Amino acid sequence: MGWEALDQWGTVARVEPLAGGVGVNEVWSVRVNGQLAVGRLGRRSDADLLWETELLQHLDREGMTVPLPIPTADGRYFADGLVVMTYVEGEPPKTDADWRRVADTLRRLHRLTHGWPQRPGWRSSTDLLHAETGTKIDLGAMPPEGVVRCRAAWARLTGREQCVVHGDPNPRNIHMDAYRVALIDWDESHVDVPDLDLVLPHNAADLDDHTHDVAAQASAAWEAAVCWDPSGADEFAARRLAEVRAV
C-alpha cells in the first residue's frame, strides 16, 4: 500500500524525508493529529515489526528513552510495513563524557533484555558460524576467504551470554540532552553478544584491550556481512572486511 497506509493513523501529513533507516526503508517526519512523529516504511514482516514494537514498549516501561510506536485508529502498532513512532529531540554525543553516558545507556539496554527472543528471521553473529543466511546477510555472496575471516572473528564470541543489541549506535542514532540519552532507529536491533554495541569512540565503555579487540573484530565482520554488495559497489563493506584480520 505504501504511504497511503498513513491514513490509518487519522489526520496525518508527511513533512520531510529524514536520514535514517537502512536499505529499502523510507523514513519521514510526519504529523499525526498535529503531533510531530516519525514514519518508517519498509518491507519487514509483521512478525519482525511486532518484535520491534514490543521491545520499544518494554524499554519505555523500564524507564529508557526510546521512540514509542503510535497506534493506528484501531489500535495496531504497524500496518502494511509502516510504523509511526514518537519524535525524540536531542543532540548527538560530542564529548568523552557524552559517550560514557551512551555506554551506560547501552549497558542498561543489555541488562533489561537478557533472555529476549531473537528477532524473527535474524541470526546472531555466532549463529553464522554454521548458518549461511539471516535477514540481510548472505555469506554465500561474499568472498570465501572473507567469510573465513569473519567466522574466525565471531568464533571468539562463542559461549558469551546474549541479549538485545541496538546494532547501530552511531551518533545519528543517539539523541541526548543534559538529562537523558535516547537511542533511536532500532531497525538493526536483534539478539547478540552485548560487546558488539560497545565498540565506541574513546573506548567509552572502558573495555580492556583483549575484550575491545574481540568486539572490534566481530563488529567489523558483522558490518561487512550486513552491508556486503556482491557487485562491490559498497565501499564501506569492503573497508570493514579489510579490517578483519586473518587468523
Protein backbone atom coordinates (compact mmCIF):
# COMPACT_ATOMS: atom_id res chain seq x y z
CA MET A 1 0.00 0.00 0.00
CA GLY A 2 2.91 2.40 0.62
CA TRP A 3 2.48 5.74 2.35
CA GLU A 4 -1.28 5.62 1.78
CA ALA A 5 -1.30 3.44 4.91
CA LEU A 6 -0.74 6.63 6.94
CA ASP A 7 -4.47 7.29 6.67
CA GLN A 8 -4.94 4.54 9.26
CA TRP A 9 -3.42 6.84 11.90
CA GLY A 10 -6.06 9.56 11.46
CA THR A 11 -5.23 13.05 10.21
CA VAL A 12 -1.64 12.65 9.04
CA ALA A 13 0.69 14.56 6.73
CA ARG A 14 4.23 13.78 5.65
CA VAL A 15 6.63 16.63 6.36
CA GLU A 16 10.10 15.80 5.01
CA PRO A 17 12.41 12.82 4.47
CA LEU A 18 14.87 12.04 7.25
CA ALA A 19 18.30 10.45 7.22
CA GLY A 20 17.92 7.02 8.78
CA GLY A 21 16.76 3.52 8.13
CA VAL A 22 18.67 1.01 6.08
CA GLY A 23 18.27 -0.39 2.59
CA VAL A 24 14.68 -0.30 1.34
CA ASN A 25 13.30 1.69 4.28
CA GLU A 26 11.95 5.19 3.78
CA VAL A 27 11.90 7.43 6.87
CA TRP A 28 9.91 10.69 7.05
CA SER A 29 8.92 13.17 9.68
CA VAL A 30 5.12 13.24 9.82
CA ARG A 31 2.38 15.00 11.74
CA VAL A 32 -0.21 12.74 13.35
CA ASN A 33 -3.23 14.69 14.51
CA GLY A 34 -0.91 17.70 14.87
CA GLN A 35 1.83 15.81 16.73
CA LEU A 36 5.33 15.61 15.20
CA ALA A 37 6.30 11.97 14.72
CA VAL A 38 8.45 9.71 12.53
CA GLY A 39 7.14 7.25 9.95
CA ARG A 40 9.23 4.35 8.64
CA LEU A 41 8.04 2.39 5.64
CA GLY A 42 9.76 -0.87 4.70
CA ARG A 43 9.31 -4.50 3.76
CA ARG A 44 9.73 -6.13 7.16
CA SER A 45 7.29 -8.89 8.09
CA ASP A 46 4.54 -8.38 10.65
CA ALA A 47 6.42 -10.75 13.00
CA ASP A 48 9.56 -8.61 12.69
CA LEU A 49 7.66 -5.38 13.38
CA LEU A 50 5.80 -6.96 16.30
CA TRP A 51 9.16 -7.90 17.86
CA GLU A 52 10.49 -4.34 17.46
CA THR A 53 7.39 -2.54 18.72
CA GLU A 54 7.05 -4.85 21.74
CA LEU A 55 10.73 -4.28 22.56
CA LEU A 56 10.34 -0.49 22.46
CA GLN A 57 7.29 -0.61 24.70
CA HIS A 58 9.16 -2.83 27.17
CA LEU A 59 12.13 -0.45 27.29
CA ASP A 60 9.81 2.54 27.79
CA ARG A 61 8.09 0.81 30.70
CA GLU A 62 11.52 0.22 32.24
CA GLY A 63 12.31 3.93 32.03
CA MET A 64 14.52 4.12 28.95
CA THR A 65 14.01 6.94 26.44
CA VAL A 66 13.12 5.41 23.07
CA PRO A 67 10.78 6.26 20.20
CA LEU A 68 7.40 4.76 21.08
CA PRO A 69 5.14 3.26 18.42
CA ILE A 70 1.93 5.25 17.96
CA PRO A 71 -1.14 3.06 17.39
CA THR A 72 -3.43 3.32 14.40
CA ALA A 73 -7.02 4.44 14.93
CA ASP A 74 -7.98 0.80 15.56
CA GLY A 75 -5.11 0.11 17.95
CA ARG A 76 -2.43 -1.57 15.80
CA TYR A 77 1.22 -0.55 16.10
CA PHE A 78 2.06 -1.11 12.43
CA ALA A 79 0.18 -1.50 9.18
CA ASP A 80 1.32 -2.63 5.72
CA GLY A 81 5.01 -2.31 6.60
CA LEU A 82 4.58 1.17 8.12
CA VAL A 83 5.45 2.08 11.70
CA VAL A 84 4.79 5.54 13.17
CA MET A 85 6.78 6.49 16.27
CA THR A 86 7.15 9.45 18.58
CA TYR A 87 9.77 12.04 17.62
CA VAL A 88 12.65 12.21 20.12
CA GLU A 89 14.50 15.52 20.46
CA GLY A 90 18.21 15.78 21.27
CA GLU A 91 21.75 16.23 20.02
CA PRO A 92 24.39 13.62 19.13
CA PRO A 93 27.17 12.86 21.63
CA LYS A 94 30.23 15.07 21.29
CA THR A 95 32.50 14.69 24.32
CA ASP A 96 34.14 11.77 26.11
CA ALA A 97 31.64 12.27 28.93
CA ASP A 98 28.75 12.11 26.47
CA TRP A 99 29.99 8.80 25.10
CA ARG A 100 30.37 7.37 28.60
CA ARG A 101 26.69 8.17 29.16
CA VAL A 102 25.91 6.38 25.89
CA ALA A 103 27.85 3.33 27.09
CA ASP A 104 25.88 3.32 30.35
CA THR A 105 22.61 3.51 28.39
CA LEU A 106 23.60 0.62 26.12
CA ARG A 107 24.56 -1.50 29.12
CA ARG A 108 21.15 -0.75 30.63
CA LEU A 109 19.51 -1.99 27.43
CA HIS A 110 21.56 -5.17 27.67
CA ARG A 111 20.63 -5.77 31.32
CA LEU A 112 16.93 -5.30 30.56
CA THR A 113 16.82 -7.82 27.71
CA HIS A 114 18.67 -10.94 28.87
CA GLY A 115 16.65 -13.90 27.60
CA TRP A 116 14.80 -11.86 24.97
CA PRO A 117 13.82 -13.96 21.93
CA GLN A 118 15.67 -13.49 18.66
CA ARG A 119 14.15 -11.11 16.11
CA PRO A 120 12.24 -13.28 13.61
CA GLY A 121 14.39 -14.25 10.65
CA TRP A 122 17.60 -12.89 12.18
CA ARG A 123 20.79 -14.66 13.22
CA SER A 124 23.31 -13.72 15.86
CA SER A 125 26.99 -13.47 14.97
CA THR A 126 27.71 -16.89 16.49
CA ASP A 127 24.74 -18.43 14.63
CA LEU A 128 26.61 -17.51 11.44
CA LEU A 129 29.43 -19.87 12.33
CA HIS A 130 27.15 -22.55 10.84
CA ALA A 131 24.33 -20.69 9.04
CA GLU A 132 24.83 -19.01 5.65
CA THR A 133 22.00 -16.51 5.67
CA GLY A 134 19.94 -14.36 8.02
CA THR A 135 17.86 -11.29 7.16
CA LYS A 136 20.20 -9.10 5.06
CA ILE A 137 23.23 -11.39 5.42
CA ASP A 138 24.19 -13.86 2.70
CA LEU A 139 27.66 -15.25 3.34
CA GLY A 140 27.49 -17.10 0.03
CA ALA A 141 27.70 -13.74 -1.75
CA MET A 142 30.96 -12.81 0.00
CA PRO A 143 34.50 -13.86 -0.97
CA PRO A 144 35.14 -17.27 0.65
CA GLU A 145 38.38 -16.06 2.22
CA GLY A 146 36.50 -13.12 3.73
CA VAL A 147 33.88 -15.47 5.20
CA VAL A 148 36.65 -17.49 6.86
CA ARG A 149 37.99 -14.31 8.49
CA CYS A 150 34.53 -13.18 9.61
CA ARG A 151 33.72 -16.55 11.14
CA ALA A 152 37.06 -16.61 12.95
CA ALA A 153 36.19 -13.22 14.46
CA TRP A 154 32.72 -14.39 15.52
CA ALA A 155 34.09 -17.65 16.94
CA ARG A 156 35.86 -15.61 19.61
CA LEU A 157 32.39 -14.73 20.97
CA THR A 158 31.30 -18.36 21.39
CA GLY A 159 29.71 -19.11 24.75
CA ARG A 160 29.02 -15.50 25.65
CA GLU A 161 25.67 -14.51 27.14
CA GLN A 162 23.37 -12.75 24.68
CA CYS A 163 20.71 -10.05 24.88
CA VAL A 164 19.22 -7.38 22.62
CA VAL A 165 21.82 -5.18 20.95
CA HIS A 166 20.88 -1.88 19.35
CA GLY A 167 23.06 -2.82 16.40
CA ASP A 168 23.90 0.66 15.13
CA PRO A 169 24.83 3.06 17.97
CA ASN A 170 26.41 5.72 15.79
CA PRO A 171 25.98 9.45 16.53
CA ARG A 172 22.98 9.97 14.26
CA ASN A 173 21.06 7.31 16.20
CA ILE A 174 21.70 8.91 19.60
CA HIS A 175 19.70 11.95 20.74
CA MET A 176 20.72 13.30 24.14
CA ASP A 177 20.48 16.29 26.42
CA ALA A 178 21.61 17.05 29.95
CA TYR A 179 19.00 14.72 31.44
CA ARG A 180 18.67 11.66 29.25
CA VAL A 181 20.16 9.61 26.41
CA ALA A 182 17.75 8.35 23.76
CA LEU A 183 18.55 5.57 21.30
CA ILE A 184 16.60 5.85 18.05
CA ASP A 185 16.41 3.82 14.81
CA TRP A 186 16.07 0.24 16.09
CA ASP A 187 15.97 -1.24 12.60
CA GLU A 188 19.20 -3.21 13.18
CA SER A 189 18.39 -4.39 16.71
CA HIS A 190 18.50 -8.13 17.35
CA VAL A 191 19.78 -10.60 19.91
CA ASP A 192 23.57 -10.97 20.00
CA VAL A 193 26.62 -10.56 22.25
CA PRO A 194 26.39 -7.18 24.03
CA ASP A 195 30.01 -6.12 23.45
CA LEU A 196 29.14 -5.64 19.77
CA ASP A 197 27.35 -2.44 20.87
CA LEU A 198 30.27 -1.25 22.98
CA VAL A 199 32.96 -0.50 20.39
CA LEU A 200 32.54 3.23 20.97
CA PRO A 201 34.66 6.36 20.43
CA HIS A 202 37.30 6.97 23.12
CA ASN A 203 36.66 3.40 24.35
CA ALA A 204 33.83 4.95 26.33
CA ALA A 205 32.70 1.53 27.58
CA ASP A 206 36.14 1.05 29.20
CA LEU A 207 36.74 -2.38 27.67
CA ASP A 208 40.12 -3.93 28.39
CA ASP A 209 42.48 -4.39 25.43
CA HIS A 210 41.58 -8.03 24.76
CA THR A 211 37.81 -7.52 25.11
CA HIS A 212 37.93 -4.44 22.90
CA ASP A 213 39.91 -6.28 20.20
CA VAL A 214 37.47 -9.22 20.19
CA ALA A 215 34.47 -6.90 19.99
CA ALA A 216 36.00 -4.62 17.34
CA GLN A 217 36.92 -7.54 15.08
CA ALA A 218 33.50 -9.18 15.46
CA SER A 219 31.75 -5.84 14.85
CA ALA A 220 33.77 -5.17 11.69
CA ALA A 221 32.91 -8.66 10.43
CA TRP A 222 29.22 -8.14 11.18
CA GLU A 223 29.02 -4.78 9.40
CA ALA A 224 30.89 -6.18 6.40
CA ALA A 225 28.43 -9.07 6.15
CA VAL A 226 25.30 -6.95 6.67
CA CYS A 227 26.33 -4.36 4.09
CA TRP A 228 28.03 -6.64 1.56
CA ASP A 229 27.13 -5.95 -2.07
CA PRO A 230 28.24 -8.70 -4.50
CA SER A 231 28.80 -6.04 -7.16
CA GLY A 232 31.48 -4.48 -4.99
CA ALA A 233 29.68 -1.14 -5.00
CA ASP A 234 29.59 -0.79 -1.20
CA GLU A 235 32.95 0.69 -0.23
CA PHE A 236 32.03 0.71 3.46
CA ALA A 237 31.53 -3.06 3.50
CA ALA A 238 34.80 -3.65 1.67
CA ARG A 239 36.63 -1.35 4.08
CA ARG A 240 35.15 -3.09 7.11
CA LEU A 241 36.04 -6.52 5.74
CA ALA A 242 39.62 -5.35 5.20
CA GLU A 243 39.79 -4.55 8.94
CA VAL A 244 39.06 -8.19 9.88
CA ARG A 245 42.38 -9.92 10.44
CA ALA A 246 43.29 -13.32 9.10
CA VAL A 247 43.92 -15.90 11.82
